[in-house]
């Protein structure tokens, strides 16, 4: 669910690949708005059963994840903006947008979490792949201030991820630091030392 200046926007996804949107007029003078039985709009996702759906905080974009490993981005008007196959052998589970609408977290069946940056022109950039769960990720959620993300899995484990730390890490440098002693002792014939500056 998302709340715009004048409307409440509800979205739902189903196993038959249909996304339904309800746009309900929001009248501050009324205690409640009449709920429409028929959706304002329906979208058909052709790449499998929908397992995750999330609407961007500004209500303009909808992210959909399928059990077959596809991630798609739709406009609220029903236009398919972007579609990518994230995982060929493993499906996607749950989604959440960061409060500023720039990051999208995608839970996966294979226990990992993909963190994407979504540009204004719907550019999709994989920032990092988080590893920590031992089984299917069943929930992802950003904190209201966007500093943290929580995830839960079938392994009954809850993880709090500090996003500033994660996004500022130089993975190449961390990897090189971990194997530096090995590189010093290794045989040049079998190692490409120039990768880590040796």
N, C-alpha and C. Protein backbone atom coordinates (compact mmCIF):
# COMPACT_ATOMS: atom_id res chain seq x y z
N UNK A 1 0.84 -1.18 0.00
CA UNK A 1 0.00 0.00 0.00
C UNK A 1 0.88 1.24 0.00
N UNK A 2 0.43 2.29 -0.68
CA UNK A 2 1.13 3.56 -0.69
C UNK A 2 0.11 4.68 -0.64
N UNK A 3 0.51 5.80 -0.05
CA UNK A 3 -0.40 6.93 0.10
C UNK A 3 0.16 8.12 -0.65
N UNK A 4 -0.58 8.61 -1.65
CA UNK A 4 -0.18 9.81 -2.37
C UNK A 4 -0.93 10.99 -1.77
N UNK A 5 -0.78 12.17 -2.40
CA UNK A 5 -1.43 13.35 -1.86
C UNK A 5 -2.95 13.21 -1.87
N UNK A 6 -3.47 12.55 -2.88
CA UNK A 6 -4.93 12.49 -3.00
C UNK A 6 -5.49 11.08 -3.11
N UNK A 7 -4.60 10.06 -3.09
CA UNK A 7 -5.09 8.70 -3.28
C UNK A 7 -4.35 7.71 -2.41
N UNK A 8 -5.06 6.65 -2.05
CA UNK A 8 -4.43 5.48 -1.46
C UNK A 8 -4.28 4.47 -2.58
N UNK A 9 -3.07 3.95 -2.77
CA UNK A 9 -2.81 3.00 -3.84
C UNK A 9 -2.50 1.64 -3.23
N UNK A 10 -3.30 0.64 -3.58
CA UNK A 10 -3.09 -0.72 -3.12
C UNK A 10 -2.70 -1.59 -4.31
N UNK A 11 -1.76 -2.49 -4.11
CA UNK A 11 -1.39 -3.43 -5.17
C UNK A 11 -1.40 -4.84 -4.60
N UNK A 12 -1.72 -5.80 -5.46
CA UNK A 12 -1.67 -7.21 -5.07
C UNK A 12 -1.16 -8.02 -6.25
N UNK A 13 -0.49 -9.11 -5.95
CA UNK A 13 -0.01 -10.01 -6.98
C UNK A 13 -0.49 -11.42 -6.69
N UNK A 14 -0.61 -12.23 -7.72
CA UNK A 14 -1.15 -13.58 -7.52
C UNK A 14 -0.29 -14.61 -8.26
N UNK A 15 -0.54 -15.88 -7.94
CA UNK A 15 0.23 -16.96 -8.54
C UNK A 15 -0.04 -17.12 -10.02
N UNK A 16 -1.14 -16.56 -10.51
CA UNK A 16 -1.44 -16.66 -11.94
C UNK A 16 -0.82 -15.52 -12.74
N UNK A 17 0.06 -14.73 -12.09
CA UNK A 17 0.79 -13.69 -12.80
C UNK A 17 0.04 -12.40 -13.04
N UNK A 18 -0.97 -12.12 -12.24
CA UNK A 18 -1.76 -10.90 -12.41
C UNK A 18 -1.49 -9.94 -11.26
N UNK A 19 -1.22 -8.68 -11.61
CA UNK A 19 -1.07 -7.61 -10.62
C UNK A 19 -2.30 -6.72 -10.70
N UNK A 20 -2.96 -6.52 -9.57
CA UNK A 20 -4.12 -5.65 -9.51
C UNK A 20 -3.79 -4.38 -8.73
N UNK A 21 -4.27 -3.24 -9.23
CA UNK A 21 -4.10 -1.96 -8.56
C UNK A 21 -5.45 -1.37 -8.22
N UNK A 22 -5.55 -0.89 -7.01
CA UNK A 22 -6.72 -0.14 -6.59
C UNK A 22 -6.26 1.27 -6.23
N UNK A 23 -6.91 2.28 -6.81
CA UNK A 23 -6.64 3.67 -6.46
C UNK A 23 -7.89 4.22 -5.79
N UNK A 24 -7.77 4.50 -4.51
CA UNK A 24 -8.91 4.93 -3.71
C UNK A 24 -8.75 6.40 -3.36
N UNK A 25 -9.75 7.19 -3.69
CA UNK A 25 -9.69 8.62 -3.37
C UNK A 25 -9.56 8.80 -1.87
N UNK A 26 -8.63 9.68 -1.48
CA UNK A 26 -8.40 9.94 -0.06
C UNK A 26 -8.99 11.29 0.29
N UNK A 27 -10.05 11.28 1.08
CA UNK A 27 -10.74 12.50 1.49
C UNK A 27 -10.50 12.71 2.99
N UNK A 28 -9.68 13.73 3.36
CA UNK A 28 -9.40 13.95 4.78
C UNK A 28 -10.64 14.20 5.61
N UNK A 29 -11.74 14.64 4.98
CA UNK A 29 -12.96 14.90 5.72
C UNK A 29 -13.75 13.66 6.06
N UNK A 30 -13.39 12.52 5.48
CA UNK A 30 -14.12 11.28 5.75
C UNK A 30 -13.29 10.37 6.62
N UNK A 31 -13.97 9.61 7.46
CA UNK A 31 -13.26 8.65 8.31
C UNK A 31 -12.75 7.47 7.49
N UNK A 32 -13.45 7.11 6.44
CA UNK A 32 -13.03 6.00 5.61
C UNK A 32 -13.51 6.22 4.19
N UNK A 33 -12.78 5.64 3.24
CA UNK A 33 -13.15 5.73 1.83
C UNK A 33 -13.77 4.43 1.40
N UNK A 34 -14.79 4.47 0.55
CA UNK A 34 -15.40 3.22 0.08
C UNK A 34 -14.40 2.40 -0.72
N UNK A 35 -14.31 1.12 -0.41
CA UNK A 35 -13.36 0.25 -1.10
C UNK A 35 -14.00 -0.28 -2.37
N UNK A 36 -13.27 -0.16 -3.48
CA UNK A 36 -13.78 -0.64 -4.76
C UNK A 36 -13.57 -2.14 -4.84
N UNK A 37 -14.58 -2.83 -5.31
CA UNK A 37 -14.46 -4.28 -5.46
C UNK A 37 -13.69 -4.66 -6.71
N UNK A 38 -13.73 -3.80 -7.73
CA UNK A 38 -12.99 -4.05 -8.96
C UNK A 38 -11.73 -3.19 -8.97
N UNK A 39 -10.59 -3.78 -9.35
CA UNK A 39 -9.36 -2.98 -9.39
C UNK A 39 -9.42 -1.88 -10.44
N UNK A 40 -8.66 -0.82 -10.21
CA UNK A 40 -8.58 0.27 -11.18
C UNK A 40 -7.85 -0.18 -12.44
N UNK A 41 -6.89 -1.10 -12.24
CA UNK A 41 -6.06 -1.56 -13.35
C UNK A 41 -5.51 -2.94 -13.05
N UNK A 42 -5.35 -3.76 -14.08
CA UNK A 42 -4.74 -5.08 -13.92
C UNK A 42 -3.60 -5.23 -14.91
N UNK A 43 -2.50 -5.79 -14.46
CA UNK A 43 -1.32 -6.02 -15.29
C UNK A 43 -1.05 -7.51 -15.34
N UNK A 44 -0.60 -7.99 -16.48
CA UNK A 44 -0.29 -9.41 -16.61
C UNK A 44 1.22 -9.60 -16.74
N UNK A 45 1.78 -10.35 -15.80
CA UNK A 45 3.20 -10.68 -15.81
C UNK A 45 3.33 -12.06 -16.43
N UNK A 46 4.09 -12.16 -17.50
CA UNK A 46 4.12 -13.41 -18.28
C UNK A 46 5.26 -14.35 -17.90
N UNK A 47 5.99 -14.03 -16.84
CA UNK A 47 7.16 -14.84 -16.51
C UNK A 47 7.00 -15.58 -15.19
N UNK A 48 5.83 -16.12 -14.94
CA UNK A 48 5.66 -16.98 -13.78
C UNK A 48 4.83 -16.42 -12.66
N UNK A 49 4.70 -17.23 -11.63
CA UNK A 49 3.90 -16.87 -10.46
C UNK A 49 4.57 -15.74 -9.68
N UNK A 50 3.76 -14.79 -9.25
CA UNK A 50 4.27 -13.64 -8.51
C UNK A 50 4.46 -14.03 -7.04
N UNK A 51 5.68 -13.83 -6.55
CA UNK A 51 5.99 -14.14 -5.16
C UNK A 51 6.32 -12.89 -4.37
N UNK A 52 6.65 -11.82 -5.04
CA UNK A 52 6.96 -10.57 -4.35
C UNK A 52 6.48 -9.38 -5.14
N UNK A 53 5.97 -8.38 -4.42
CA UNK A 53 5.49 -7.17 -5.08
C UNK A 53 5.68 -6.01 -4.11
N UNK A 54 6.11 -4.87 -4.64
CA UNK A 54 6.31 -3.69 -3.80
C UNK A 54 6.09 -2.44 -4.62
N UNK A 55 5.42 -1.47 -4.02
CA UNK A 55 5.17 -0.21 -4.71
C UNK A 55 6.12 0.84 -4.15
N UNK A 56 6.71 1.62 -5.05
CA UNK A 56 7.68 2.65 -4.68
C UNK A 56 7.00 3.69 -3.78
N UNK A 57 7.73 4.29 -2.85
CA UNK A 57 7.13 5.28 -1.94
C UNK A 57 6.38 6.41 -2.63
N UNK A 58 6.81 6.81 -3.84
CA UNK A 58 6.07 7.87 -4.53
C UNK A 58 4.90 7.32 -5.35
N UNK A 59 4.68 6.01 -5.27
CA UNK A 59 3.55 5.33 -5.92
C UNK A 59 3.64 5.27 -7.44
N UNK A 60 4.75 5.68 -8.02
CA UNK A 60 4.85 5.73 -9.48
C UNK A 60 5.38 4.44 -10.11
N UNK A 61 6.10 3.62 -9.34
CA UNK A 61 6.66 2.39 -9.88
C UNK A 61 6.30 1.20 -9.01
N UNK A 62 6.11 0.08 -9.69
CA UNK A 62 5.79 -1.16 -8.99
C UNK A 62 6.83 -2.20 -9.39
N UNK A 63 7.43 -2.83 -8.39
CA UNK A 63 8.41 -3.89 -8.65
C UNK A 63 7.73 -5.23 -8.41
N UNK A 64 7.99 -6.18 -9.31
CA UNK A 64 7.37 -7.51 -9.23
C UNK A 64 8.45 -8.57 -9.38
N UNK A 65 8.43 -9.56 -8.50
CA UNK A 65 9.38 -10.67 -8.56
C UNK A 65 8.62 -11.97 -8.74
N UNK A 66 9.17 -12.85 -9.59
CA UNK A 66 8.48 -14.12 -9.84
C UNK A 66 9.31 -15.30 -9.34
N UNK A 67 8.60 -16.39 -9.15
CA UNK A 67 9.24 -17.62 -8.70
C UNK A 67 10.20 -18.17 -9.76
N UNK A 68 10.07 -17.73 -11.00
CA UNK A 68 10.94 -18.18 -12.08
C UNK A 68 12.19 -17.31 -12.22
N UNK A 69 12.39 -16.34 -11.32
CA UNK A 69 13.61 -15.56 -11.31
C UNK A 69 13.60 -14.27 -12.09
N UNK A 70 12.42 -13.77 -12.45
CA UNK A 70 12.33 -12.52 -13.21
C UNK A 70 11.96 -11.36 -12.30
N UNK A 71 12.60 -10.21 -12.55
CA UNK A 71 12.28 -8.96 -11.88
C UNK A 71 11.76 -7.99 -12.93
N UNK A 72 10.61 -7.40 -12.68
CA UNK A 72 10.07 -6.43 -13.63
C UNK A 72 9.63 -5.18 -12.90
N UNK A 73 9.76 -4.05 -13.59
CA UNK A 73 9.34 -2.75 -13.07
C UNK A 73 8.25 -2.21 -13.96
N UNK A 74 7.16 -1.77 -13.34
CA UNK A 74 6.00 -1.26 -14.05
C UNK A 74 5.70 0.16 -13.58
N UNK A 75 5.11 0.95 -14.46
CA UNK A 75 4.59 2.24 -14.05
C UNK A 75 3.20 2.02 -13.46
N UNK A 76 2.72 2.98 -12.70
CA UNK A 76 1.39 2.86 -12.13
C UNK A 76 0.31 2.84 -13.21
N UNK A 77 0.66 3.38 -14.38
CA UNK A 77 -0.30 3.41 -15.49
C UNK A 77 -0.34 2.08 -16.24
N UNK A 78 0.52 1.14 -15.87
CA UNK A 78 0.48 -0.18 -16.50
C UNK A 78 1.51 -0.41 -17.58
N UNK A 79 2.50 0.48 -17.71
CA UNK A 79 3.54 0.31 -18.73
C UNK A 79 4.70 -0.50 -18.14
N UNK A 80 5.14 -1.51 -18.88
CA UNK A 80 6.30 -2.29 -18.48
C UNK A 80 7.55 -1.47 -18.76
N UNK A 81 8.28 -1.09 -17.71
CA UNK A 81 9.44 -0.21 -17.84
C UNK A 81 10.74 -0.99 -18.02
N UNK A 82 10.87 -2.11 -17.32
CA UNK A 82 12.11 -2.89 -17.36
C UNK A 82 11.81 -4.31 -16.92
N UNK A 83 12.50 -5.26 -17.55
CA UNK A 83 12.33 -6.66 -17.18
C UNK A 83 13.67 -7.37 -17.33
N UNK A 84 14.15 -8.00 -16.26
CA UNK A 84 15.43 -8.70 -16.30
C UNK A 84 15.30 -10.06 -15.62
N UNK A 85 16.02 -11.02 -16.16
CA UNK A 85 16.05 -12.33 -15.51
C UNK A 85 17.22 -12.32 -14.53
N UNK A 86 16.90 -12.32 -13.26
CA UNK A 86 17.91 -12.23 -12.21
C UNK A 86 18.55 -13.58 -11.95
N UNK A 87 17.73 -14.62 -11.88
CA UNK A 87 18.23 -15.96 -11.56
C UNK A 87 17.58 -16.97 -12.48
N UNK A 88 18.38 -17.77 -13.16
CA UNK A 88 17.83 -18.75 -14.10
C UNK A 88 17.37 -20.02 -13.41
N UNK A 89 18.06 -20.41 -12.35
CA UNK A 89 17.75 -21.68 -11.69
C UNK A 89 17.01 -21.51 -10.37
N UNK A 90 17.03 -20.32 -9.81
CA UNK A 90 16.39 -20.08 -8.52
C UNK A 90 15.45 -18.90 -8.63
N UNK A 91 14.34 -18.96 -7.91
CA UNK A 91 13.35 -17.91 -7.99
C UNK A 91 13.61 -16.76 -7.03
N UNK A 92 12.79 -15.70 -7.18
CA UNK A 92 12.84 -14.54 -6.31
C UNK A 92 11.65 -14.60 -5.36
N UNK A 93 11.83 -14.02 -4.18
CA UNK A 93 10.79 -14.17 -3.16
C UNK A 93 10.13 -12.84 -2.79
N UNK A 94 10.84 -11.95 -2.10
CA UNK A 94 10.23 -10.73 -1.58
C UNK A 94 11.02 -9.50 -2.01
N UNK A 95 10.33 -8.35 -1.99
CA UNK A 95 10.91 -7.08 -2.43
C UNK A 95 10.61 -5.99 -1.42
N UNK A 96 11.47 -4.95 -1.41
CA UNK A 96 11.14 -3.73 -0.68
C UNK A 96 11.94 -2.58 -1.27
N UNK A 97 11.31 -1.41 -1.32
CA UNK A 97 11.95 -0.18 -1.77
C UNK A 97 12.50 0.56 -0.56
N UNK A 98 13.62 1.25 -0.75
CA UNK A 98 14.12 2.14 0.28
C UNK A 98 13.18 3.35 0.37
N UNK A 99 13.18 4.07 1.50
CA UNK A 99 12.26 5.21 1.66
C UNK A 99 12.41 6.29 0.58
N UNK A 100 13.62 6.45 0.02
CA UNK A 100 13.81 7.45 -1.03
C UNK A 100 13.51 6.91 -2.42
N UNK A 101 13.16 5.63 -2.52
CA UNK A 101 12.80 5.04 -3.80
C UNK A 101 13.97 4.77 -4.73
N UNK A 102 15.21 4.87 -4.23
CA UNK A 102 16.37 4.67 -5.10
C UNK A 102 16.94 3.26 -5.03
N UNK A 103 16.71 2.56 -3.94
CA UNK A 103 17.23 1.21 -3.77
C UNK A 103 16.09 0.20 -3.74
N UNK A 104 16.36 -0.97 -4.27
CA UNK A 104 15.39 -2.06 -4.26
C UNK A 104 16.08 -3.31 -3.77
N UNK A 105 15.56 -3.89 -2.69
CA UNK A 105 16.09 -5.13 -2.15
C UNK A 105 15.25 -6.29 -2.68
N UNK A 106 15.93 -7.35 -3.14
CA UNK A 106 15.25 -8.50 -3.74
C UNK A 106 15.71 -9.77 -3.04
N UNK A 107 14.80 -10.42 -2.33
CA UNK A 107 15.12 -11.69 -1.69
C UNK A 107 15.07 -12.83 -2.70
N UNK A 108 15.89 -13.86 -2.43
CA UNK A 108 16.01 -14.96 -3.38
C UNK A 108 15.81 -16.31 -2.70
N UNK A 109 15.42 -17.30 -3.49
CA UNK A 109 15.25 -18.66 -2.99
C UNK A 109 16.60 -19.24 -2.56
N UNK A 110 17.68 -18.84 -3.24
CA UNK A 110 19.00 -19.41 -2.96
C UNK A 110 19.70 -18.77 -1.76
N UNK A 111 18.96 -18.08 -0.91
CA UNK A 111 19.42 -17.53 0.38
C UNK A 111 20.10 -16.18 0.27
N UNK A 112 20.22 -15.63 -0.92
CA UNK A 112 20.91 -14.35 -1.08
C UNK A 112 19.91 -13.20 -1.23
N UNK A 113 20.43 -11.98 -1.09
CA UNK A 113 19.62 -10.77 -1.27
C UNK A 113 20.36 -9.87 -2.24
N UNK A 114 19.69 -9.48 -3.32
CA UNK A 114 20.28 -8.54 -4.27
C UNK A 114 19.85 -7.13 -3.91
N UNK A 115 20.80 -6.21 -3.97
CA UNK A 115 20.51 -4.81 -3.69
C UNK A 115 20.78 -4.02 -4.97
N UNK A 116 19.73 -3.41 -5.51
CA UNK A 116 19.82 -2.67 -6.77
C UNK A 116 19.63 -1.18 -6.55
N UNK A 117 20.30 -0.40 -7.40
CA UNK A 117 19.99 1.03 -7.49
C UNK A 117 19.14 1.21 -8.74
N UNK A 118 18.00 1.89 -8.58
CA UNK A 118 17.08 2.12 -9.69
C UNK A 118 17.14 3.60 -10.06
N UNK A 119 17.62 3.89 -11.27
CA UNK A 119 17.78 5.27 -11.70
C UNK A 119 16.47 5.89 -12.17
N UNK A 120 16.52 7.21 -12.35
CA UNK A 120 15.33 7.95 -12.79
C UNK A 120 14.85 7.47 -14.16
N UNK A 121 15.80 7.06 -15.00
CA UNK A 121 15.44 6.54 -16.32
C UNK A 121 15.26 5.03 -16.32
N UNK A 122 15.00 4.46 -15.15
CA UNK A 122 14.79 3.03 -14.93
C UNK A 122 16.06 2.22 -15.24
N UNK A 123 17.24 2.84 -15.05
CA UNK A 123 18.47 2.07 -15.12
C UNK A 123 18.53 1.19 -13.88
N UNK A 124 18.89 -0.07 -14.07
CA UNK A 124 18.95 -1.02 -12.97
C UNK A 124 20.41 -1.44 -12.78
N UNK A 125 20.97 -1.10 -11.60
CA UNK A 125 22.38 -1.41 -11.31
C UNK A 125 22.47 -2.30 -10.07
N UNK A 126 23.04 -3.47 -10.24
CA UNK A 126 23.26 -4.36 -9.09
C UNK A 126 24.42 -3.80 -8.27
N UNK A 127 24.14 -3.38 -7.04
CA UNK A 127 25.16 -2.80 -6.19
C UNK A 127 25.94 -3.87 -5.43
N UNK A 128 25.22 -4.84 -4.90
CA UNK A 128 25.87 -5.91 -4.14
C UNK A 128 24.91 -7.06 -3.95
N UNK A 129 25.46 -8.20 -3.62
CA UNK A 129 24.67 -9.40 -3.33
C UNK A 129 25.01 -9.81 -1.90
N UNK A 130 24.03 -9.76 -1.03
CA UNK A 130 24.25 -10.01 0.40
C UNK A 130 24.13 -11.50 0.70
N UNK A 131 25.10 -12.00 1.46
CA UNK A 131 25.13 -13.40 1.85
C UNK A 131 25.13 -13.48 3.37
N UNK A 132 24.23 -14.26 3.92
CA UNK A 132 24.15 -14.39 5.37
C UNK A 132 23.13 -15.43 5.80
N UNK A 133 22.10 -15.59 4.99
CA UNK A 133 21.09 -16.61 5.29
C UNK A 133 21.55 -17.97 4.78
N UNK A 134 20.96 -19.00 5.34
CA UNK A 134 21.30 -20.36 4.94
C UNK A 134 20.18 -21.04 4.16
N UNK A 135 19.09 -20.33 3.97
CA UNK A 135 17.97 -20.88 3.20
C UNK A 135 17.18 -19.73 2.59
N UNK A 136 16.05 -20.03 2.01
CA UNK A 136 15.23 -19.06 1.29
C UNK A 136 14.95 -17.81 2.11
N UNK A 137 15.14 -16.65 1.49
CA UNK A 137 14.82 -15.37 2.13
C UNK A 137 13.32 -15.13 2.02
N UNK A 138 12.66 -14.94 3.15
CA UNK A 138 11.21 -14.83 3.14
C UNK A 138 10.69 -13.42 3.39
N UNK A 139 11.57 -12.50 3.81
CA UNK A 139 11.14 -11.12 3.99
C UNK A 139 12.34 -10.18 3.95
N UNK A 140 12.13 -9.00 3.37
CA UNK A 140 13.11 -7.92 3.38
C UNK A 140 12.37 -6.61 3.65
N UNK A 141 12.96 -5.72 4.44
CA UNK A 141 12.30 -4.46 4.76
C UNK A 141 13.34 -3.42 5.16
N UNK A 142 13.23 -2.23 4.57
CA UNK A 142 14.10 -1.12 4.93
C UNK A 142 13.55 -0.42 6.18
N UNK A 143 14.46 0.13 6.98
CA UNK A 143 14.03 0.94 8.12
C UNK A 143 13.47 2.26 7.59
N UNK A 144 12.61 2.94 8.37
CA UNK A 144 12.01 4.20 7.90
C UNK A 144 13.02 5.27 7.52
N UNK A 145 14.21 5.27 8.16
CA UNK A 145 15.23 6.26 7.83
C UNK A 145 16.16 5.81 6.71
N UNK A 146 16.01 4.55 6.26
CA UNK A 146 16.82 4.04 5.17
C UNK A 146 18.23 3.65 5.54
N UNK A 147 18.58 3.71 6.83
CA UNK A 147 19.94 3.37 7.26
C UNK A 147 20.17 1.87 7.34
N UNK A 148 19.10 1.13 7.60
CA UNK A 148 19.23 -0.31 7.80
C UNK A 148 18.24 -1.06 6.94
N UNK A 149 18.51 -2.34 6.75
CA UNK A 149 17.56 -3.23 6.12
C UNK A 149 17.50 -4.49 6.97
N UNK A 150 16.31 -5.00 7.16
CA UNK A 150 16.12 -6.25 7.89
C UNK A 150 15.72 -7.34 6.91
N UNK A 151 16.17 -8.55 7.21
CA UNK A 151 15.77 -9.69 6.38
C UNK A 151 15.52 -10.89 7.28
N UNK A 152 14.66 -11.76 6.81
CA UNK A 152 14.37 -12.99 7.53
C UNK A 152 14.29 -14.13 6.54
N UNK A 153 14.60 -15.34 7.02
CA UNK A 153 14.60 -16.49 6.12
C UNK A 153 14.01 -17.72 6.75
N UNK A 154 13.90 -18.76 5.95
CA UNK A 154 13.41 -20.03 6.46
C UNK A 154 14.37 -20.66 7.45
N UNK A 155 15.59 -20.12 7.52
CA UNK A 155 16.55 -20.60 8.51
C UNK A 155 16.25 -20.05 9.90
N UNK A 156 15.14 -19.31 10.03
CA UNK A 156 14.69 -18.72 11.29
C UNK A 156 15.68 -17.69 11.82
N UNK A 157 16.39 -17.08 10.89
CA UNK A 157 17.40 -16.09 11.23
C UNK A 157 16.94 -14.72 10.76
N UNK A 158 17.07 -13.73 11.64
CA UNK A 158 16.82 -12.34 11.27
C UNK A 158 18.14 -11.60 11.22
N UNK A 159 18.36 -10.83 10.16
CA UNK A 159 19.63 -10.12 10.00
C UNK A 159 19.33 -8.63 9.80
N UNK A 160 20.09 -7.80 10.54
CA UNK A 160 20.02 -6.35 10.32
C UNK A 160 21.27 -5.93 9.56
N UNK A 161 21.05 -5.35 8.39
CA UNK A 161 22.16 -4.94 7.52
C UNK A 161 22.33 -3.43 7.63
N UNK A 162 23.55 -2.97 7.91
CA UNK A 162 23.86 -1.54 7.95
C UNK A 162 24.28 -1.11 6.56
N UNK A 163 23.41 -0.38 5.88
CA UNK A 163 23.59 -0.13 4.45
C UNK A 163 24.79 0.76 4.13
N UNK A 164 25.05 1.76 4.96
CA UNK A 164 26.18 2.64 4.68
C UNK A 164 27.49 1.85 4.69
N UNK A 165 27.62 0.95 5.66
CA UNK A 165 28.82 0.13 5.74
C UNK A 165 28.93 -0.79 4.52
N UNK A 166 27.82 -1.43 4.18
CA UNK A 166 27.81 -2.37 3.05
C UNK A 166 28.16 -1.68 1.75
N UNK A 167 27.59 -0.52 1.50
CA UNK A 167 27.78 0.15 0.22
C UNK A 167 29.11 0.89 0.13
N UNK A 168 29.80 1.05 1.24
CA UNK A 168 31.09 1.75 1.20
C UNK A 168 32.27 0.78 1.16
N UNK A 169 31.99 -0.52 1.27
CA UNK A 169 33.08 -1.51 1.28
C UNK A 169 33.64 -1.70 -0.13
N UNK A 170 34.96 -1.70 -0.25
CA UNK A 170 35.65 -2.03 -1.49
C UNK A 170 35.92 -3.54 -1.47
N UNK A 171 35.08 -4.31 -2.16
CA UNK A 171 35.18 -5.76 -2.08
C UNK A 171 36.51 -6.29 -2.60
N UNK A 172 37.08 -5.66 -3.63
CA UNK A 172 38.37 -6.09 -4.14
C UNK A 172 39.45 -5.91 -3.08
N UNK A 173 39.41 -4.76 -2.39
CA UNK A 173 40.41 -4.51 -1.35
C UNK A 173 40.26 -5.49 -0.19
N UNK A 174 39.03 -5.75 0.21
CA UNK A 174 38.79 -6.70 1.31
C UNK A 174 39.29 -8.08 0.92
N UNK A 175 39.02 -8.52 -0.32
CA UNK A 175 39.47 -9.82 -0.78
C UNK A 175 40.99 -9.92 -0.82
N UNK A 176 41.61 -8.85 -1.31
CA UNK A 176 43.07 -8.86 -1.38
C UNK A 176 43.69 -8.88 0.02
N UNK A 177 43.09 -8.16 0.96
CA UNK A 177 43.60 -8.17 2.34
C UNK A 177 43.54 -9.57 2.93
N UNK A 178 42.51 -10.30 2.60
CA UNK A 178 42.33 -11.64 3.17
C UNK A 178 43.34 -12.66 2.63
N UNK A 179 43.77 -12.46 1.39
CA UNK A 179 44.68 -13.45 0.80
C UNK A 179 46.11 -12.92 0.63
N UNK A 180 46.39 -11.77 1.27
CA UNK A 180 47.70 -11.15 1.08
C UNK A 180 48.86 -12.08 1.47
N UNK A 181 48.74 -12.75 2.62
CA UNK A 181 49.81 -13.66 3.05
C UNK A 181 49.98 -14.81 2.06
N UNK A 182 48.87 -15.31 1.55
CA UNK A 182 48.93 -16.40 0.57
C UNK A 182 49.64 -15.95 -0.70
N UNK A 183 49.34 -14.72 -1.12
CA UNK A 183 49.97 -14.20 -2.33
C UNK A 183 51.48 -14.04 -2.14
N UNK A 184 51.87 -13.64 -0.94
CA UNK A 184 53.31 -13.45 -0.68
C UNK A 184 54.06 -14.78 -0.73
N UNK A 185 53.39 -15.85 -0.30
CA UNK A 185 54.03 -17.16 -0.23
C UNK A 185 53.81 -18.00 -1.49
N UNK A 186 52.83 -17.61 -2.31
CA UNK A 186 52.46 -18.43 -3.46
C UNK A 186 53.49 -18.41 -4.57
N UNK A 187 53.32 -19.32 -5.50
CA UNK A 187 54.20 -19.42 -6.65
C UNK A 187 53.66 -18.57 -7.78
N UNK A 188 54.51 -17.73 -8.36
CA UNK A 188 54.07 -16.83 -9.43
C UNK A 188 53.42 -17.57 -10.59
N UNK A 189 53.87 -18.78 -10.82
CA UNK A 189 53.38 -19.55 -11.95
C UNK A 189 51.86 -19.75 -11.87
N UNK A 190 51.34 -19.84 -10.66
CA UNK A 190 49.93 -20.17 -10.51
C UNK A 190 49.08 -18.97 -10.03
N UNK A 191 49.69 -17.85 -9.75
CA UNK A 191 48.95 -16.73 -9.23
C UNK A 191 49.10 -15.48 -10.11
N UNK A 192 48.02 -14.77 -10.26
CA UNK A 192 48.08 -13.50 -10.97
C UNK A 192 48.17 -12.40 -9.93
N UNK A 193 49.36 -12.15 -9.44
CA UNK A 193 49.54 -11.23 -8.33
C UNK A 193 49.18 -9.79 -8.69
N UNK A 194 49.25 -9.44 -9.98
CA UNK A 194 49.00 -8.05 -10.35
C UNK A 194 47.58 -7.61 -10.01
N UNK A 195 46.66 -8.54 -9.83
CA UNK A 195 45.28 -8.20 -9.49
C UNK A 195 45.23 -7.45 -8.16
N UNK A 196 46.05 -7.88 -7.21
CA UNK A 196 46.07 -7.25 -5.89
C UNK A 196 47.30 -6.37 -5.70
N UNK A 197 47.94 -6.00 -6.77
CA UNK A 197 49.06 -5.07 -6.67
C UNK A 197 50.36 -5.70 -6.22
N UNK A 198 50.53 -7.02 -6.42
CA UNK A 198 51.78 -7.69 -6.04
C UNK A 198 52.52 -8.13 -7.29
